[in-house]
Amino acid sequence: MKRNILGLAALSLFLSLSFSSCEDDKKEEIIETDPINFTKEGEVYLIKASGDTLRKLDVELAENDYEHQTGLMYRESLENDQGMLFIYDSERVRSFYMKNTYIPLDIIYYGADSTLVSIQKNATPRDETSLPSEGPTQFVLEINGGLSDQWGIENGDRFSFQNIN
Protein backbone atom coordinates (compact mmCIF):
# COMPACT_ATOMS: atom_id res chain seq x y z
CA MET A 1 0.00 0.00 0.00
CA LYS A 2 2.82 2.39 0.95
CA ARG A 3 4.56 1.63 -2.36
CA ASN A 4 1.33 2.48 -4.31
CA ILE A 5 1.03 5.82 -2.53
CA LEU A 6 4.68 6.65 -3.30
CA GLY A 7 4.15 5.54 -6.91
CA LEU A 8 1.07 7.73 -7.26
CA ALA A 9 2.92 10.68 -5.70
CA ALA A 10 5.84 10.22 -8.11
CA LEU A 11 3.47 9.93 -11.08
CA SER A 12 1.61 13.04 -9.94
CA LEU A 13 4.88 15.00 -9.58
CA PHE A 14 6.05 13.83 -13.02
CA LEU A 15 2.79 14.85 -14.69
CA SER A 16 2.71 18.28 -13.00
CA LEU A 17 6.30 18.97 -14.08
CA SER A 18 5.49 17.82 -17.62
CA PHE A 19 2.50 20.15 -17.87
CA SER A 20 4.32 23.10 -16.37
CA SER A 21 7.26 22.65 -18.74
CA CYS A 22 4.80 22.59 -21.65
CA GLU A 23 3.38 25.89 -20.38
CA ASP A 24 6.87 27.36 -20.18
CA ASP A 25 7.56 26.34 -23.78
CA LYS A 26 4.54 28.25 -25.09
CA LYS A 27 5.55 31.53 -26.70
CA GLU A 28 3.44 34.67 -26.50
CA GLU A 29 1.18 34.55 -29.51
CA ILE A 30 1.60 37.53 -31.81
CA ILE A 31 -1.44 38.43 -33.83
CA GLU A 32 -0.67 39.91 -37.22
CA THR A 33 -3.08 42.59 -38.39
CA ASP A 34 -3.39 44.44 -41.65
CA PRO A 35 -2.10 48.02 -41.61
CA ILE A 36 -4.79 50.62 -41.04
CA ASN A 37 -4.98 52.98 -43.98
CA PHE A 38 -6.16 56.57 -43.88
CA THR A 39 -9.63 57.13 -45.37
CA LYS A 40 -10.54 60.72 -46.16
CA GLU A 41 -14.05 61.48 -44.86
CA GLY A 42 -13.92 65.23 -44.63
CA GLU A 43 -11.89 68.42 -44.72
CA VAL A 44 -11.01 70.68 -41.81
CA TYR A 45 -9.96 74.28 -42.34
CA LEU A 46 -7.90 75.78 -39.54
CA ILE A 47 -8.79 79.46 -39.25
CA LYS A 48 -6.84 82.17 -37.42
CA ALA A 49 -8.71 84.56 -35.11
CA SER A 50 -8.19 87.20 -37.84
CA GLY A 51 -10.29 85.08 -40.22
CA ASP A 52 -7.41 83.96 -42.45
CA THR A 53 -7.32 80.27 -43.37
CA LEU A 54 -4.19 78.77 -41.90
CA ARG A 55 -4.33 75.25 -43.29
CA LYS A 56 -6.60 72.64 -44.91
CA LEU A 57 -6.46 69.07 -43.62
CA ASP A 58 -7.97 65.84 -44.89
CA VAL A 59 -9.59 64.07 -41.94
CA GLU A 60 -11.06 60.78 -40.88
CA LEU A 61 -14.05 61.09 -38.60
CA ALA A 62 -14.66 59.56 -35.19
CA GLU A 63 -18.41 59.85 -34.67
CA ASN A 64 -19.52 56.86 -32.59
CA ASP A 65 -18.38 55.27 -29.33
CA TYR A 66 -16.16 52.67 -31.00
CA GLU A 67 -14.44 55.29 -33.18
CA HIS A 68 -14.08 57.64 -30.19
CA GLN A 69 -12.39 54.88 -28.18
CA THR A 70 -10.12 53.67 -30.99
CA GLY A 71 -9.11 56.96 -32.62
CA LEU A 72 -5.66 56.74 -34.20
CA MET A 73 -4.62 53.62 -32.26
CA TYR A 74 -2.43 51.12 -34.10
CA ARG A 75 -1.48 53.60 -36.84
CA GLU A 76 2.11 53.53 -38.00
CA SER A 77 2.06 57.04 -39.48
CA LEU A 78 -0.02 60.06 -40.38
CA GLU A 79 0.76 62.59 -43.11
CA ASN A 80 1.15 66.25 -42.10
CA ASP A 81 -1.95 67.19 -44.12
CA GLN A 82 -4.07 64.54 -42.37
CA GLY A 83 -5.82 64.24 -39.03
CA MET A 84 -8.74 62.74 -37.18
CA LEU A 85 -11.73 64.82 -36.12
CA PHE A 86 -13.73 63.54 -33.16
CA ILE A 87 -17.32 64.76 -33.21
CA TYR A 88 -19.46 64.51 -30.08
CA ASP A 89 -23.17 65.16 -29.52
CA SER A 90 -22.59 67.51 -26.61
CA GLU A 91 -20.03 69.80 -25.08
CA ARG A 92 -18.15 68.77 -21.91
CA VAL A 93 -14.63 68.47 -20.53
CA ARG A 94 -12.94 65.61 -22.38
CA SER A 95 -9.81 63.62 -21.74
CA PHE A 96 -7.73 61.53 -24.13
CA TYR A 97 -4.78 59.19 -23.64
CA MET A 98 -2.26 57.53 -25.97
CA LYS A 99 -2.79 53.82 -25.25
CA ASN A 100 -1.84 51.78 -28.34
CA THR A 101 -1.09 54.99 -30.26
CA TYR A 102 2.30 54.70 -31.95
CA ILE A 103 2.84 58.26 -33.18
CA PRO A 104 3.16 61.50 -31.16
CA LEU A 105 0.10 63.71 -31.53
CA ASP A 106 -1.12 67.21 -30.85
CA ILE A 107 -4.64 66.90 -29.42
CA ILE A 108 -6.60 70.08 -30.12
CA TYR A 109 -9.82 70.64 -28.18
CA TYR A 110 -12.57 72.89 -29.65
CA GLY A 111 -15.81 74.14 -28.13
CA ALA A 112 -19.28 73.80 -29.63
CA ASP A 113 -18.76 77.13 -31.45
CA SER A 114 -15.54 75.69 -33.07
CA THR A 115 -13.25 77.99 -31.03
CA LEU A 116 -10.03 76.51 -29.68
CA VAL A 117 -10.27 75.55 -25.98
CA SER A 118 -6.82 74.04 -25.38
CA ILE A 119 -4.06 71.90 -26.90
CA GLN A 120 -2.19 68.91 -25.50
CA LYS A 121 1.08 69.12 -27.43
CA ASN A 122 3.35 66.25 -28.44
CA ALA A 123 1.45 63.55 -26.55
CA THR A 124 3.80 60.65 -25.87
CA PRO A 125 3.07 57.43 -27.79
CA ARG A 126 1.67 54.56 -25.69
CA ASP A 127 1.42 56.73 -22.57
CA GLU A 128 -1.81 56.17 -20.63
CA THR A 129 -1.63 59.46 -18.74
CA SER A 130 -4.88 61.41 -18.93
CA LEU A 131 -4.69 64.46 -21.25
CA PRO A 132 -7.75 66.59 -20.41
CA SER A 133 -9.14 69.66 -22.12
CA GLU A 134 -9.02 72.92 -20.18
CA GLY A 135 -12.75 73.48 -20.65
CA PRO A 136 -15.87 72.05 -22.28
CA THR A 137 -15.30 70.71 -25.80
CA GLN A 138 -17.45 69.17 -28.50
CA PHE A 139 -14.78 68.59 -31.16
CA VAL A 140 -11.26 67.23 -30.92
CA LEU A 141 -8.70 67.27 -33.73
CA GLU A 142 -5.65 65.00 -33.63
CA ILE A 143 -2.67 65.87 -35.83
CA ASN A 144 1.01 64.94 -35.85
CA GLY A 145 2.87 66.11 -32.77
CA GLY A 146 4.54 69.50 -33.10
CA LEU A 147 2.39 70.80 -35.96
CA SER A 148 0.26 73.08 -33.77
CA ASP A 149 3.41 75.03 -32.79
CA GLN A 150 4.83 74.89 -36.32
CA TRP A 151 1.61 76.29 -37.77
CA GLY A 152 1.07 78.83 -34.98
CA ILE A 153 -2.29 77.49 -33.75
CA GLU A 154 -3.34 79.46 -30.66
CA ASN A 155 -6.24 80.57 -28.48
CA GLY A 156 -8.91 82.41 -30.43
CA ASP A 157 -8.36 80.28 -33.54
CA ARG A 158 -11.26 78.25 -34.94
CA PHE A 159 -11.93 75.50 -37.42
CA SER A 160 -14.57 74.76 -40.03
CA PHE A 161 -15.49 71.33 -41.29
CA GLN A 162 -16.87 69.90 -44.49
CA ASN A 163 -18.09 66.29 -44.65
CA ILE A 164 -17.40 64.74 -48.07
CA ASN A 165 -19.70 61.73 -47.69
C-alpha atoms as a PDB file:
ATOM      1  CA  MET A   1       0.000   0.000   0.000  1.00  0.00           C
ATOM      2  CA  LYS A   2       2.824   2.392   0.953  1.00  0.00           C
ATOM      3  CA  ARG A   3       4.556   1.632  -2.362  1.00  0.00           C
ATOM      4  CA  ASN A   4       1.326   2.482  -4.307  1.00  0.00           C
ATOM      5  CA  ILE A   5       1.030   5.823  -2.529  1.00  0.00           C
ATOM      6  CA  LEU A   6       4.677   6.655  -3.296  1.00  0.00           C
ATOM      7  CA  GLY A   7       4.148   5.538  -6.906  1.00  0.00           C
ATOM      8  CA  LEU A   8       1.065   7.734  -7.263  1.00  0.00           C
ATOM      9  CA  ALA A   9       2.920  10.683  -5.699  1.00  0.00           C
ATOM     10  CA  ALA A  10       5.836  10.217  -8.106  1.00  0.00           C
ATOM     11  CA  LEU A  11       3.468   9.935 -11.079  1.00  0.00           C
ATOM     12  CA  SER A  12       1.605  13.043  -9.937  1.00  0.00           C
ATOM     13  CA  LEU A  13       4.885  14.998  -9.584  1.00  0.00           C
ATOM     14  CA  PHE A  14       6.054  13.827 -13.017  1.00  0.00           C
ATOM     15  CA  LEU A  15       2.787  14.854 -14.687  1.00  0.00           C
ATOM     16  CA  SER A  16       2.706  18.276 -12.999  1.00  0.00           C
ATOM     17  CA  LEU A  17       6.300  18.970 -14.080  1.00  0.00           C
ATOM     18  CA  SER A  18       5.494  17.824 -17.617  1.00  0.00           C
ATOM     19  CA  PHE A  19       2.502  20.146 -17.868  1.00  0.00           C
ATOM     20  CA  SER A  20       4.323  23.104 -16.373  1.00  0.00           C
ATOM     21  CA  SER A  21       7.258  22.649 -18.741  1.00  0.00           C
ATOM     22  CA  CYS A  22       4.796  22.588 -21.653  1.00  0.00           C
ATOM     23  CA  GLU A  23       3.375  25.895 -20.383  1.00  0.00           C
ATOM     24  CA  ASP A  24       6.871  27.364 -20.182  1.00  0.00           C
ATOM     25  CA  ASP A  25       7.562  26.336 -23.780  1.00  0.00           C
ATOM     26  CA  LYS A  26       4.541  28.249 -25.090  1.00  0.00           C
ATOM     27  CA  LYS A  27       5.547  31.526 -26.699  1.00  0.00           C
ATOM     28  CA  GLU A  28       3.441  34.668 -26.502  1.00  0.00           C
ATOM     29  CA  GLU A  29       1.181  34.549 -29.508  1.00  0.00           C
ATOM     30  CA  ILE A  30       1.598  37.532 -31.810  1.00  0.00           C
ATOM     31  CA  ILE A  31      -1.445  38.434 -33.827  1.00  0.00           C
ATOM     32  CA  GLU A  32      -0.672  39.913 -37.222  1.00  0.00           C
ATOM     33  CA  THR A  33      -3.081  42.590 -38.393  1.00  0.00           C
ATOM     34  CA  ASP A  34      -3.394  44.444 -41.654  1.00  0.00           C
ATOM     35  CA  PRO A  35      -2.100  48.017 -41.609  1.00  0.00           C
ATOM     36  CA  ILE A  36      -4.788  50.620 -41.036  1.00  0.00           C
ATOM     37  CA  ASN A  37      -4.982  52.983 -43.985  1.00  0.00           C
ATOM     38  CA  PHE A  38      -6.162  56.570 -43.880  1.00  0.00           C
ATOM     39  CA  THR A  39      -9.629  57.128 -45.365  1.00  0.00           C
ATOM     40  CA  LYS A  40     -10.535  60.721 -46.155  1.00  0.00           C
ATOM     41  CA  GLU A  41     -14.052  61.478 -44.861  1.00  0.00           C
ATOM     42  CA  GLY A  42     -13.924  65.234 -44.633  1.00  0.00           C
ATOM     43  CA  GLU A  43     -11.894  68.421 -44.723  1.00  0.00           C
ATOM     44  CA  VAL A  44     -11.007  70.680 -41.814  1.00  0.00           C
ATOM     45  CA  TYR A  45      -9.958  74.276 -42.336  1.00  0.00           C
ATOM     46  CA  LEU A  46      -7.899  75.782 -39.538  1.00  0.00           C
ATOM     47  CA  ILE A  47      -8.791  79.464 -39.254  1.00  0.00           C
ATOM     48  CA  LYS A  48      -6.844  82.172 -37.417  1.00  0.00           C
ATOM     49  CA  ALA A  49      -8.713  84.564 -35.107  1.00  0.00           C
ATOM     50  CA  SER A  50      -8.187  87.195 -37.842  1.00  0.00           C
ATOM     51  CA  GLY A  51     -10.289  85.077 -40.224  1.00  0.00           C
ATOM     52  CA  ASP A  52      -7.410  83.958 -42.450  1.00  0.00           C
ATOM     53  CA  THR A  53      -7.316  80.267 -43.368  1.00  0.00           C
ATOM     54  CA  LEU A  54      -4.185  78.773 -41.897  1.00  0.00           C
ATOM     55  CA  ARG A  55      -4.332  75.250 -43.289  1.00  0.00           C
ATOM     56  CA  LYS A  56      -6.602  72.637 -44.911  1.00  0.00           C
ATOM     57  CA  LEU A  57      -6.464  69.069 -43.616  1.00  0.00           C
ATOM     58  CA  ASP A  58      -7.974  65.841 -44.886  1.00  0.00           C
ATOM     59  CA  VAL A  59      -9.591  64.069 -41.940  1.00  0.00           C
ATOM     60  CA  GLU A  60     -11.064  60.783 -40.884  1.00  0.00           C
ATOM     61  CA  LEU A  61     -14.055  61.086 -38.605  1.00  0.00           C
ATOM     62  CA  ALA A  62     -14.657  59.556 -35.194  1.00  0.00           C
ATOM     63  CA  GLU A  63     -18.414  59.853 -34.674  1.00  0.00           C
ATOM     64  CA  ASN A  64     -19.524  56.862 -32.593  1.00  0.00           C
ATOM     65  CA  ASP A  65     -18.384  55.267 -29.330  1.00  0.00           C
ATOM     66  CA  TYR A  66     -16.156  52.671 -31.001  1.00  0.00           C
ATOM     67  CA  GLU A  67     -14.442  55.286 -33.184  1.00  0.00           C
ATOM     68  CA  HIS A  68     -14.078  57.636 -30.195  1.00  0.00           C
ATOM     69  CA  GLN A  69     -12.392  54.876 -28.179  1.00  0.00           C
ATOM     70  CA  THR A  70     -10.123  53.674 -30.989  1.00  0.00           C
ATOM     71  CA  GLY A  71      -9.111  56.959 -32.624  1.00  0.00           C
ATOM     72  CA  LEU A  72      -5.658  56.738 -34.196  1.00  0.00           C
ATOM     73  CA  MET A  73      -4.620  53.620 -32.261  1.00  0.00           C
ATOM     74  CA  TYR A  74      -2.426  51.122 -34.102  1.00  0.00           C
ATOM     75  CA  ARG A  75      -1.482  53.603 -36.845  1.00  0.00           C
ATOM     76  CA  GLU A  76       2.111  53.529 -38.001  1.00  0.00           C
ATOM     77  CA  SER A  77       2.062  57.038 -39.480  1.00  0.00           C
ATOM     78  CA  LEU A  78      -0.022  60.060 -40.377  1.00  0.00           C
ATOM     79  CA  GLU A  79       0.763  62.586 -43.106  1.00  0.00           C
ATOM     80  CA  ASN A  80       1.146  66.247 -42.102  1.00  0.00           C
ATOM     81  CA  ASP A  81      -1.950  67.193 -44.116  1.00  0.00           C
ATOM     82  CA  GLN A  82      -4.073  64.540 -42.372  1.00  0.00           C
ATOM     83  CA  GLY A  83      -5.822  64.237 -39.030  1.00  0.00           C
ATOM     84  CA  MET A  84      -8.740  62.740 -37.179  1.00  0.00           C
ATOM     85  CA  LEU A  85     -11.733  64.816 -36.122  1.00  0.00           C
ATOM     86  CA  PHE A  86     -13.732  63.539 -33.156  1.00  0.00           C
ATOM     87  CA  ILE A  87     -17.324  64.764 -33.213  1.00  0.00           C
ATOM     88  CA  TYR A  88     -19.458  64.507 -30.075  1.00  0.00           C
ATOM     89  CA  ASP A  89     -23.171  65.158 -29.519  1.00  0.00           C
ATOM     90  CA  SER A  90     -22.589  67.515 -26.615  1.00  0.00           C
ATOM     91  CA  GLU A  91     -20.026  69.804 -25.082  1.00  0.00           C
ATOM     92  CA  ARG A  92     -18.151  68.771 -21.912  1.00  0.00           C
ATOM     93  CA  VAL A  93     -14.630  68.473 -20.535  1.00  0.00           C
ATOM     94  CA  ARG A  94     -12.942  65.611 -22.380  1.00  0.00           C
ATOM     95  CA  SER A  95      -9.808  63.621 -21.739  1.00  0.00           C
ATOM     96  CA  PHE A  96      -7.733  61.526 -24.127  1.00  0.00           C
ATOM     97  CA  TYR A  97      -4.777  59.189 -23.643  1.00  0.00           C
ATOM     98  CA  MET A  98      -2.258  57.525 -25.968  1.00  0.00           C
ATOM     99  CA  LYS A  99      -2.786  53.818 -25.245  1.00  0.00           C
ATOM    100  CA  ASN A 100      -1.843  51.777 -28.341  1.00  0.00           C
ATOM    101  CA  THR A 101      -1.089  54.986 -30.258  1.00  0.00           C
ATOM    102  CA  TYR A 102       2.295  54.699 -31.950  1.00  0.00           C
ATOM    103  CA  ILE A 103       2.841  58.264 -33.178  1.00  0.00           C
ATOM    104  CA  PRO A 104       3.164  61.503 -31.160  1.00  0.00           C
ATOM    105  CA  LEU A 105       0.104  63.706 -31.527  1.00  0.00           C
ATOM    106  CA  ASP A 106      -1.119  67.206 -30.848  1.00  0.00           C
ATOM    107  CA  ILE A 107      -4.637  66.900 -29.423  1.00  0.00           C
ATOM    108  CA  ILE A 108      -6.598  70.083 -30.116  1.00  0.00           C
ATOM    109  CA  TYR A 109      -9.823  70.641 -28.179  1.00  0.00           C
ATOM    110  CA  TYR A 110     -12.566  72.888 -29.649  1.00  0.00           C
ATOM    111  CA  GLY A 111     -15.805  74.136 -28.129  1.00  0.00           C
ATOM    112  CA  ALA A 112     -19.281  73.801 -29.631  1.00  0.00           C
ATOM    113  CA  ASP A 113     -18.755  77.126 -31.452  1.00  0.00           C
ATOM    114  CA  SER A 114     -15.539  75.694 -33.067  1.00  0.00           C
ATOM    115  CA  THR A 115     -13.254  77.986 -31.026  1.00  0.00           C
ATOM    116  CA  LEU A 116     -10.030  76.508 -29.676  1.00  0.00           C
ATOM    117  CA  VAL A 117     -10.272  75.553 -25.983  1.00  0.00           C
ATOM    118  CA  SER A 118      -6.822  74.035 -25.383  1.00  0.00           C
ATOM    119  CA  ILE A 119      -4.057  71.900 -26.897  1.00  0.00           C
ATOM    120  CA  GLN A 120      -2.193  68.909 -25.502  1.00  0.00           C
ATOM    121  CA  LYS A 121       1.075  69.116 -27.435  1.00  0.00           C
ATOM    122  CA  ASN A 122       3.348  66.247 -28.442  1.00  0.00           C
ATOM    123  CA  ALA A 123       1.448  63.552 -26.551  1.00  0.00           C
ATOM    124  CA  THR A 124       3.796  60.648 -25.866  1.00  0.00           C
ATOM    125  CA  PRO A 125       3.065  57.434 -27.792  1.00  0.00           C
ATOM    126  CA  ARG A 126       1.670  54.556 -25.695  1.00  0.00           C
ATOM    127  CA  ASP A 127       1.424  56.725 -22.572  1.00  0.00           C
ATOM    128  CA  GLU A 128      -1.812  56.170 -20.626  1.00  0.00           C
ATOM    129  CA  THR A 129      -1.625  59.465 -18.738  1.00  0.00           C
ATOM    130  CA  SER A 130      -4.884  61.415 -18.933  1.00  0.00           C
ATOM    131  CA  LEU A 131      -4.688  64.456 -21.245  1.00  0.00           C
ATOM    132  CA  PRO A 132      -7.750  66.592 -20.407  1.00  0.00           C
ATOM    133  CA  SER A 133      -9.144  69.659 -22.116  1.00  0.00           C
ATOM    134  CA  GLU A 134      -9.015  72.921 -20.179  1.00  0.00           C
ATOM    135  CA  GLY A 135     -12.747  73.475 -20.647  1.00  0.00           C
ATOM    136  CA  PRO A 136     -15.866  72.055 -22.282  1.00  0.00           C
ATOM    137  CA  THR A 137     -15.302  70.715 -25.804  1.00  0.00           C
ATOM    138  CA  GLN A 138     -17.450  69.166 -28.505  1.00  0.00           C
ATOM    139  CA  PHE A 139     -14.781  68.594 -31.164  1.00  0.00           C
ATOM    140  CA  VAL A 140     -11.264  67.226 -30.924  1.00  0.00           C
ATOM    141  CA  LEU A 141      -8.698  67.269 -33.728  1.00  0.00           C
ATOM    142  CA  GLU A 142      -5.652  65.000 -33.634  1.00  0.00           C
ATOM    143  CA  ILE A 143      -2.672  65.875 -35.826  1.00  0.00           C
ATOM    144  CA  ASN A 144       1.013  64.940 -35.853  1.00  0.00           C
ATOM    145  CA  GLY A 145       2.868  66.108 -32.771  1.00  0.00           C
ATOM    146  CA  GLY A 146       4.542  69.498 -33.101  1.00  0.00           C
ATOM    147  CA  LEU A 147       2.391  70.802 -35.959  1.00  0.00           C
ATOM    148  CA  SER A 148       0.263  73.083 -33.772  1.00  0.00           C
ATOM    149  CA  ASP A 149       3.406  75.029 -32.788  1.00  0.00           C
ATOM    150  CA  GLN A 150       4.832  74.887 -36.319  1.00  0.00           C
ATOM    151  CA  TRP A 151       1.606  76.288 -37.770  1.00  0.00           C
ATOM    152  CA  GLY A 152       1.068  78.833 -34.980  1.00  0.00           C
ATOM    153  CA  ILE A 153      -2.287  77.494 -33.754  1.00  0.00           C
ATOM    154  CA  GLU A 154      -3.340  79.459 -30.657  1.00  0.00           C
ATOM    155  CA  ASN A 155      -6.240  80.575 -28.479  1.00  0.00           C
ATOM    156  CA  GLY A 156      -8.912  82.413 -30.432  1.00  0.00           C
ATOM    157  CA  ASP A 157      -8.363  80.279 -33.536  1.00  0.00           C
ATOM    158  CA  ARG A 158     -11.258  78.248 -34.936  1.00  0.00           C
ATOM    159  CA  PHE A 159     -11.931  75.498 -37.424  1.00  0.00           C
ATOM    160  CA  SER A 160     -14.570  74.763 -40.026  1.00  0.00           C
ATOM    161  CA  PHE A 161     -15.487  71.328 -41.287  1.00  0.00           C
ATOM    162  CA  GLN A 162     -16.867  69.902 -44.492  1.00  0.00           C
ATOM    163  CA  ASN A 163     -18.086  66.292 -44.654  1.00  0.00           C
ATOM    164  CA  ILE A 164     -17.404  64.742 -48.070  1.00  0.00           C
ATOM    165  CA  ASN A 165     -19.703  61.729 -47.690  1.00  0.00           C
END
